[in-house]
Amino acid sequence: MHPANLALRFFLEIAALGGFSVLGWTLTEGWWRYLAVIVVLAVLMSLWGVFAVPDDPSRSGNAPVPVSGGLRLMLEFAILFGGAGALHAAEYNWAGPSLAALVILHYLLWADRIAWLLQN
């Protein structure tokens, strides 16, 4: 795994979480905004960290809740592309498509990981 692609992946994870947080903030008012952001972040970060494919070379190898590679790939797509969609829905019209394009680039550069996930 190339370190630059790992760095891109980390950026994409943070940006997707940020996208969902921005949408949660814009859809609520008052102190509910803070609660919405905290809940959204807690749920998404838990899903990302807990459901993993055993011995995934892009992660620590630990899988608190082991899942198939196909399910993990769907989770990644849902969170990363969902973050892009959330930015677009929050009317950050340039940021949403830009994030989606970077997600596509990331997976194109890491086609061998997609193949590995689909085999496990």
N, C-alpha and C. Protein backbone atom coordinates (compact mmCIF):
# COMPACT_ATOMS: atom_id res chain seq x y z
N MET A 1 0.84 -1.19 0.00
CA MET A 1 0.00 0.00 0.00
C MET A 1 0.88 1.24 0.00
N HIS A 2 0.67 2.05 -0.97
CA HIS A 2 1.47 3.26 -1.10
C HIS A 2 1.07 4.26 -0.01
N PRO A 3 2.05 4.86 0.67
CA PRO A 3 1.73 5.81 1.74
C PRO A 3 0.88 6.99 1.28
N ALA A 4 1.06 7.43 0.03
CA ALA A 4 0.25 8.55 -0.45
C ALA A 4 -1.22 8.17 -0.55
N ASN A 5 -1.51 6.93 -0.95
CA ASN A 5 -2.91 6.49 -1.03
C ASN A 5 -3.49 6.29 0.36
N LEU A 6 -2.67 5.84 1.30
CA LEU A 6 -3.14 5.74 2.69
C LEU A 6 -3.45 7.13 3.25
N ALA A 7 -2.63 8.11 2.91
CA ALA A 7 -2.89 9.48 3.35
C ALA A 7 -4.16 10.01 2.71
N LEU A 8 -4.37 9.72 1.43
CA LEU A 8 -5.60 10.13 0.76
C LEU A 8 -6.80 9.48 1.42
N ARG A 9 -6.69 8.21 1.75
CA ARG A 9 -7.79 7.50 2.41
C ARG A 9 -8.12 8.16 3.74
N PHE A 10 -7.11 8.51 4.52
CA PHE A 10 -7.34 9.18 5.80
C PHE A 10 -8.07 10.51 5.58
N PHE A 11 -7.62 11.28 4.59
CA PHE A 11 -8.28 12.54 4.28
C PHE A 11 -9.74 12.31 3.89
N LEU A 12 -9.99 11.29 3.08
CA LEU A 12 -11.35 10.99 2.65
C LEU A 12 -12.25 10.61 3.83
N GLU A 13 -11.70 9.84 4.76
CA GLU A 13 -12.47 9.47 5.95
C GLU A 13 -12.86 10.72 6.74
N ILE A 14 -11.90 11.59 6.97
CA ILE A 14 -12.16 12.82 7.73
C ILE A 14 -13.14 13.72 6.98
N ALA A 15 -12.96 13.85 5.68
CA ALA A 15 -13.85 14.70 4.88
C ALA A 15 -15.27 14.16 4.87
N ALA A 16 -15.42 12.84 4.77
CA ALA A 16 -16.76 12.25 4.78
C ALA A 16 -17.44 12.48 6.12
N LEU A 17 -16.71 12.28 7.20
CA LEU A 17 -17.28 12.56 8.53
C LEU A 17 -17.66 14.03 8.64
N GLY A 18 -16.82 14.89 8.11
CA GLY A 18 -17.12 16.32 8.11
C GLY A 18 -18.37 16.63 7.30
N GLY A 19 -18.52 15.96 6.16
CA GLY A 19 -19.71 16.17 5.33
C GLY A 19 -20.99 15.80 6.06
N PHE A 20 -20.99 14.65 6.70
CA PHE A 20 -22.17 14.25 7.47
C PHE A 20 -22.42 15.20 8.63
N SER A 21 -21.35 15.67 9.26
CA SER A 21 -21.49 16.61 10.38
C SER A 21 -22.08 17.94 9.91
N VAL A 22 -21.60 18.43 8.78
CA VAL A 22 -22.13 19.69 8.23
C VAL A 22 -23.61 19.54 7.91
N LEU A 23 -23.99 18.42 7.33
CA LEU A 23 -25.41 18.21 7.02
C LEU A 23 -26.23 18.13 8.29
N GLY A 24 -25.75 17.42 9.28
CA GLY A 24 -26.46 17.36 10.56
C GLY A 24 -26.61 18.73 11.19
N TRP A 25 -25.60 19.55 11.07
CA TRP A 25 -25.62 20.91 11.61
C TRP A 25 -26.65 21.76 10.88
N THR A 26 -26.69 21.65 9.56
CA THR A 26 -27.58 22.51 8.78
C THR A 26 -29.04 22.08 8.88
N LEU A 27 -29.29 20.81 9.18
CA LEU A 27 -30.66 20.33 9.25
C LEU A 27 -31.32 20.56 10.61
N THR A 28 -30.54 20.98 11.59
CA THR A 28 -31.08 21.18 12.94
C THR A 28 -30.84 22.62 13.38
N GLU A 29 -31.47 22.97 14.47
CA GLU A 29 -31.33 24.33 15.01
C GLU A 29 -31.07 24.27 16.50
N GLY A 30 -30.55 25.38 17.03
CA GLY A 30 -30.32 25.49 18.47
C GLY A 30 -29.29 24.50 18.97
N TRP A 31 -29.51 24.07 20.20
CA TRP A 31 -28.55 23.15 20.80
C TRP A 31 -28.64 21.76 20.20
N TRP A 32 -29.72 21.46 19.48
CA TRP A 32 -29.85 20.18 18.81
C TRP A 32 -28.74 19.97 17.78
N ARG A 33 -28.21 21.08 17.28
CA ARG A 33 -27.12 20.97 16.30
C ARG A 33 -25.92 20.23 16.88
N TYR A 34 -25.57 20.59 18.09
CA TYR A 34 -24.42 19.96 18.73
C TYR A 34 -24.67 18.47 18.94
N LEU A 35 -25.87 18.16 19.39
CA LEU A 35 -26.22 16.76 19.61
C LEU A 35 -26.21 15.99 18.29
N ALA A 36 -26.75 16.59 17.23
CA ALA A 36 -26.78 15.93 15.92
C ALA A 36 -25.37 15.61 15.44
N VAL A 37 -24.47 16.56 15.57
CA VAL A 37 -23.09 16.34 15.12
C VAL A 37 -22.43 15.24 15.94
N ILE A 38 -22.61 15.27 17.25
CA ILE A 38 -21.99 14.27 18.11
C ILE A 38 -22.52 12.87 17.80
N VAL A 39 -23.84 12.75 17.63
CA VAL A 39 -24.44 11.45 17.36
C VAL A 39 -24.00 10.93 15.99
N VAL A 40 -24.03 11.79 14.99
CA VAL A 40 -23.61 11.38 13.65
C VAL A 40 -22.17 10.89 13.67
N LEU A 41 -21.29 11.65 14.29
CA LEU A 41 -19.89 11.25 14.35
C LEU A 41 -19.71 9.95 15.12
N ALA A 42 -20.38 9.81 16.24
CA ALA A 42 -20.24 8.60 17.05
C ALA A 42 -20.69 7.36 16.28
N VAL A 43 -21.82 7.47 15.61
CA VAL A 43 -22.35 6.32 14.86
C VAL A 43 -21.43 5.95 13.71
N LEU A 44 -21.06 6.93 12.90
CA LEU A 44 -20.23 6.63 11.73
C LEU A 44 -18.84 6.14 12.11
N MET A 45 -18.24 6.76 13.12
CA MET A 45 -16.91 6.32 13.54
C MET A 45 -16.96 4.91 14.12
N SER A 46 -18.04 4.59 14.81
CA SER A 46 -18.19 3.24 15.35
C SER A 46 -18.33 2.22 14.23
N LEU A 47 -19.18 2.53 13.26
CA LEU A 47 -19.34 1.62 12.13
C LEU A 47 -18.02 1.39 11.41
N TRP A 48 -17.29 2.48 11.17
CA TRP A 48 -16.03 2.40 10.44
C TRP A 48 -14.99 1.58 11.20
N GLY A 49 -14.94 1.76 12.50
CA GLY A 49 -13.90 1.11 13.29
C GLY A 49 -14.21 -0.30 13.73
N VAL A 50 -15.48 -0.64 13.85
CA VAL A 50 -15.85 -1.93 14.42
C VAL A 50 -15.99 -3.02 13.36
N PHE A 51 -16.62 -2.72 12.24
CA PHE A 51 -16.86 -3.72 11.21
C PHE A 51 -15.68 -3.76 10.25
N ALA A 52 -14.95 -4.87 10.29
CA ALA A 52 -13.74 -4.98 9.48
C ALA A 52 -13.56 -6.41 8.99
N VAL A 53 -12.76 -6.52 7.95
CA VAL A 53 -12.41 -7.83 7.41
C VAL A 53 -11.16 -8.30 8.15
N PRO A 54 -11.18 -9.51 8.68
CA PRO A 54 -9.99 -10.01 9.38
C PRO A 54 -8.75 -9.96 8.48
N ASP A 55 -7.66 -9.54 9.05
CA ASP A 55 -6.35 -9.47 8.37
C ASP A 55 -6.33 -8.51 7.19
N ASP A 56 -7.17 -7.48 7.23
CA ASP A 56 -7.16 -6.45 6.18
C ASP A 56 -5.82 -5.73 6.24
N PRO A 57 -5.02 -5.79 5.17
CA PRO A 57 -3.71 -5.16 5.20
C PRO A 57 -3.75 -3.64 5.27
N SER A 58 -4.90 -3.03 4.96
CA SER A 58 -4.99 -1.57 5.02
C SER A 58 -5.34 -1.09 6.43
N ARG A 59 -5.62 -2.02 7.31
CA ARG A 59 -5.98 -1.69 8.69
C ARG A 59 -5.02 -2.44 9.61
N SER A 60 -5.31 -2.42 10.88
CA SER A 60 -4.44 -3.08 11.85
C SER A 60 -4.48 -4.60 11.74
N GLY A 61 -5.46 -5.13 11.03
CA GLY A 61 -5.63 -6.57 10.96
C GLY A 61 -6.65 -7.06 11.97
N ASN A 62 -6.93 -6.23 12.97
CA ASN A 62 -7.93 -6.60 13.96
C ASN A 62 -9.32 -6.37 13.39
N ALA A 63 -10.23 -7.23 13.76
CA ALA A 63 -11.61 -7.10 13.32
C ALA A 63 -12.52 -7.33 14.52
N PRO A 64 -12.87 -6.26 15.25
CA PRO A 64 -13.75 -6.45 16.41
C PRO A 64 -15.04 -7.19 16.04
N VAL A 65 -15.64 -6.83 14.91
CA VAL A 65 -16.78 -7.56 14.37
C VAL A 65 -16.41 -7.95 12.94
N PRO A 66 -16.01 -9.21 12.75
CA PRO A 66 -15.59 -9.63 11.41
C PRO A 66 -16.75 -9.62 10.43
N VAL A 67 -16.50 -9.08 9.25
CA VAL A 67 -17.50 -9.05 8.17
C VAL A 67 -16.82 -9.48 6.88
N SER A 68 -17.63 -9.79 5.90
CA SER A 68 -17.07 -10.15 4.60
C SER A 68 -16.50 -8.91 3.91
N GLY A 69 -15.64 -9.14 2.96
CA GLY A 69 -15.06 -8.03 2.23
C GLY A 69 -16.08 -7.24 1.45
N GLY A 70 -17.06 -7.91 0.89
CA GLY A 70 -18.12 -7.22 0.15
C GLY A 70 -18.93 -6.30 1.04
N LEU A 71 -19.23 -6.76 2.25
CA LEU A 71 -19.97 -5.92 3.19
C LEU A 71 -19.13 -4.72 3.62
N ARG A 72 -17.85 -4.95 3.85
CA ARG A 72 -16.96 -3.85 4.23
C ARG A 72 -16.86 -2.83 3.10
N LEU A 73 -16.77 -3.30 1.88
CA LEU A 73 -16.69 -2.39 0.74
C LEU A 73 -17.96 -1.56 0.62
N MET A 74 -19.12 -2.18 0.84
CA MET A 74 -20.38 -1.43 0.81
C MET A 74 -20.42 -0.38 1.92
N LEU A 75 -19.92 -0.73 3.10
CA LEU A 75 -19.87 0.23 4.20
C LEU A 75 -18.97 1.41 3.84
N GLU A 76 -17.81 1.12 3.27
CA GLU A 76 -16.89 2.19 2.87
C GLU A 76 -17.53 3.09 1.82
N PHE A 77 -18.15 2.47 0.82
CA PHE A 77 -18.82 3.27 -0.22
C PHE A 77 -19.92 4.13 0.39
N ALA A 78 -20.70 3.55 1.29
CA ALA A 78 -21.81 4.29 1.90
C ALA A 78 -21.31 5.50 2.67
N ILE A 79 -20.23 5.32 3.43
CA ILE A 79 -19.73 6.43 4.24
C ILE A 79 -19.00 7.45 3.37
N LEU A 80 -18.11 7.00 2.51
CA LEU A 80 -17.32 7.96 1.72
C LEU A 80 -18.18 8.70 0.70
N PHE A 81 -18.96 7.95 -0.08
CA PHE A 81 -19.83 8.63 -1.05
C PHE A 81 -20.99 9.33 -0.35
N GLY A 82 -21.43 8.79 0.78
CA GLY A 82 -22.47 9.45 1.56
C GLY A 82 -22.02 10.80 2.09
N GLY A 83 -20.75 10.88 2.49
CA GLY A 83 -20.21 12.16 2.93
C GLY A 83 -20.19 13.18 1.81
N ALA A 84 -19.88 12.71 0.60
CA ALA A 84 -19.91 13.60 -0.57
C ALA A 84 -21.34 14.06 -0.84
N GLY A 85 -22.28 13.12 -0.77
CA GLY A 85 -23.68 13.48 -0.96
C GLY A 85 -24.19 14.42 0.12
N ALA A 86 -23.73 14.22 1.33
CA ALA A 86 -24.13 15.09 2.44
C ALA A 86 -23.63 16.52 2.22
N LEU A 87 -22.41 16.65 1.74
CA LEU A 87 -21.89 17.99 1.44
C LEU A 87 -22.71 18.65 0.35
N HIS A 88 -23.05 17.89 -0.67
CA HIS A 88 -23.87 18.44 -1.75
C HIS A 88 -25.25 18.83 -1.23
N ALA A 89 -25.86 17.98 -0.38
CA ALA A 89 -27.17 18.27 0.18
C ALA A 89 -27.14 19.50 1.08
N ALA A 90 -25.99 19.76 1.71
CA ALA A 90 -25.84 20.94 2.56
C ALA A 90 -25.47 22.16 1.74
N GLU A 91 -25.55 22.02 0.43
CA GLU A 91 -25.31 23.10 -0.53
C GLU A 91 -23.86 23.56 -0.63
N TYR A 92 -22.96 22.63 -0.33
CA TYR A 92 -21.54 22.86 -0.63
C TYR A 92 -21.31 22.21 -1.99
N ASN A 93 -21.83 22.85 -3.01
CA ASN A 93 -21.96 22.24 -4.33
C ASN A 93 -20.63 21.89 -4.98
N TRP A 94 -19.56 22.54 -4.66
CA TRP A 94 -18.26 22.19 -5.24
C TRP A 94 -17.59 21.09 -4.42
N ALA A 95 -17.84 21.07 -3.12
CA ALA A 95 -17.15 20.13 -2.24
C ALA A 95 -17.66 18.70 -2.40
N GLY A 96 -18.97 18.55 -2.57
CA GLY A 96 -19.54 17.21 -2.71
C GLY A 96 -18.99 16.47 -3.93
N PRO A 97 -19.11 17.04 -5.12
CA PRO A 97 -18.56 16.35 -6.30
C PRO A 97 -17.03 16.19 -6.23
N SER A 98 -16.35 17.13 -5.63
CA SER A 98 -14.89 17.01 -5.50
C SER A 98 -14.52 15.83 -4.61
N LEU A 99 -15.24 15.69 -3.50
CA LEU A 99 -14.98 14.56 -2.61
C LEU A 99 -15.31 13.25 -3.32
N ALA A 100 -16.42 13.20 -4.05
CA ALA A 100 -16.78 11.98 -4.79
C ALA A 100 -15.71 11.63 -5.81
N ALA A 101 -15.18 12.62 -6.50
CA ALA A 101 -14.12 12.37 -7.49
C ALA A 101 -12.87 11.82 -6.82
N LEU A 102 -12.53 12.34 -5.65
CA LEU A 102 -11.36 11.82 -4.93
C LEU A 102 -11.59 10.40 -4.43
N VAL A 103 -12.81 10.09 -4.04
CA VAL A 103 -13.12 8.72 -3.63
C VAL A 103 -12.95 7.77 -4.82
N ILE A 104 -13.44 8.16 -5.96
CA ILE A 104 -13.27 7.34 -7.17
C ILE A 104 -11.79 7.16 -7.49
N LEU A 105 -11.03 8.24 -7.43
CA LEU A 105 -9.59 8.16 -7.68
C LEU A 105 -8.92 7.20 -6.70
N HIS A 106 -9.28 7.31 -5.44
CA HIS A 106 -8.71 6.44 -4.41
C HIS A 106 -8.93 4.97 -4.75
N TYR A 107 -10.16 4.63 -5.09
CA TYR A 107 -10.46 3.23 -5.38
C TYR A 107 -9.86 2.77 -6.71
N LEU A 108 -9.71 3.66 -7.67
CA LEU A 108 -9.03 3.30 -8.90
C LEU A 108 -7.55 3.00 -8.64
N LEU A 109 -6.95 3.77 -7.75
CA LEU A 109 -5.54 3.54 -7.42
C LEU A 109 -5.34 2.30 -6.55
N TRP A 110 -6.42 1.83 -5.93
CA TRP A 110 -6.32 0.72 -5.00
C TRP A 110 -7.18 -0.44 -5.45
N ALA A 111 -7.17 -0.71 -6.75
CA ALA A 111 -7.99 -1.78 -7.32
C ALA A 111 -7.63 -3.14 -6.72
N ASP A 112 -6.37 -3.34 -6.38
CA ASP A 112 -5.98 -4.62 -5.79
C ASP A 112 -6.64 -4.85 -4.43
N ARG A 113 -6.88 -3.77 -3.68
CA ARG A 113 -7.58 -3.92 -2.40
C ARG A 113 -9.03 -4.30 -2.63
N ILE A 114 -9.66 -3.69 -3.63
CA ILE A 114 -11.04 -4.04 -3.94
C ILE A 114 -11.13 -5.53 -4.31
N ALA A 115 -10.19 -6.00 -5.12
CA ALA A 115 -10.17 -7.43 -5.48
C ALA A 115 -9.98 -8.28 -4.24
N TRP A 116 -9.09 -7.86 -3.34
CA TRP A 116 -8.85 -8.62 -2.10
C TRP A 116 -10.13 -8.65 -1.26
N LEU A 117 -10.78 -7.50 -1.13
CA LEU A 117 -12.02 -7.45 -0.34
C LEU A 117 -13.08 -8.37 -0.92
N LEU A 118 -13.22 -8.38 -2.23
CA LEU A 118 -14.26 -9.20 -2.84
C LEU A 118 -13.95 -10.70 -2.76
N GLN A 119 -12.70 -11.05 -2.52
CA GLN A 119 -12.31 -12.46 -2.38
C GLN A 119 -12.40 -12.92 -0.93
N ASN A 120 -12.50 -12.01 0.01
CA ASN A 120 -12.52 -12.37 1.43
C ASN A 120 -13.84 -12.07 2.08
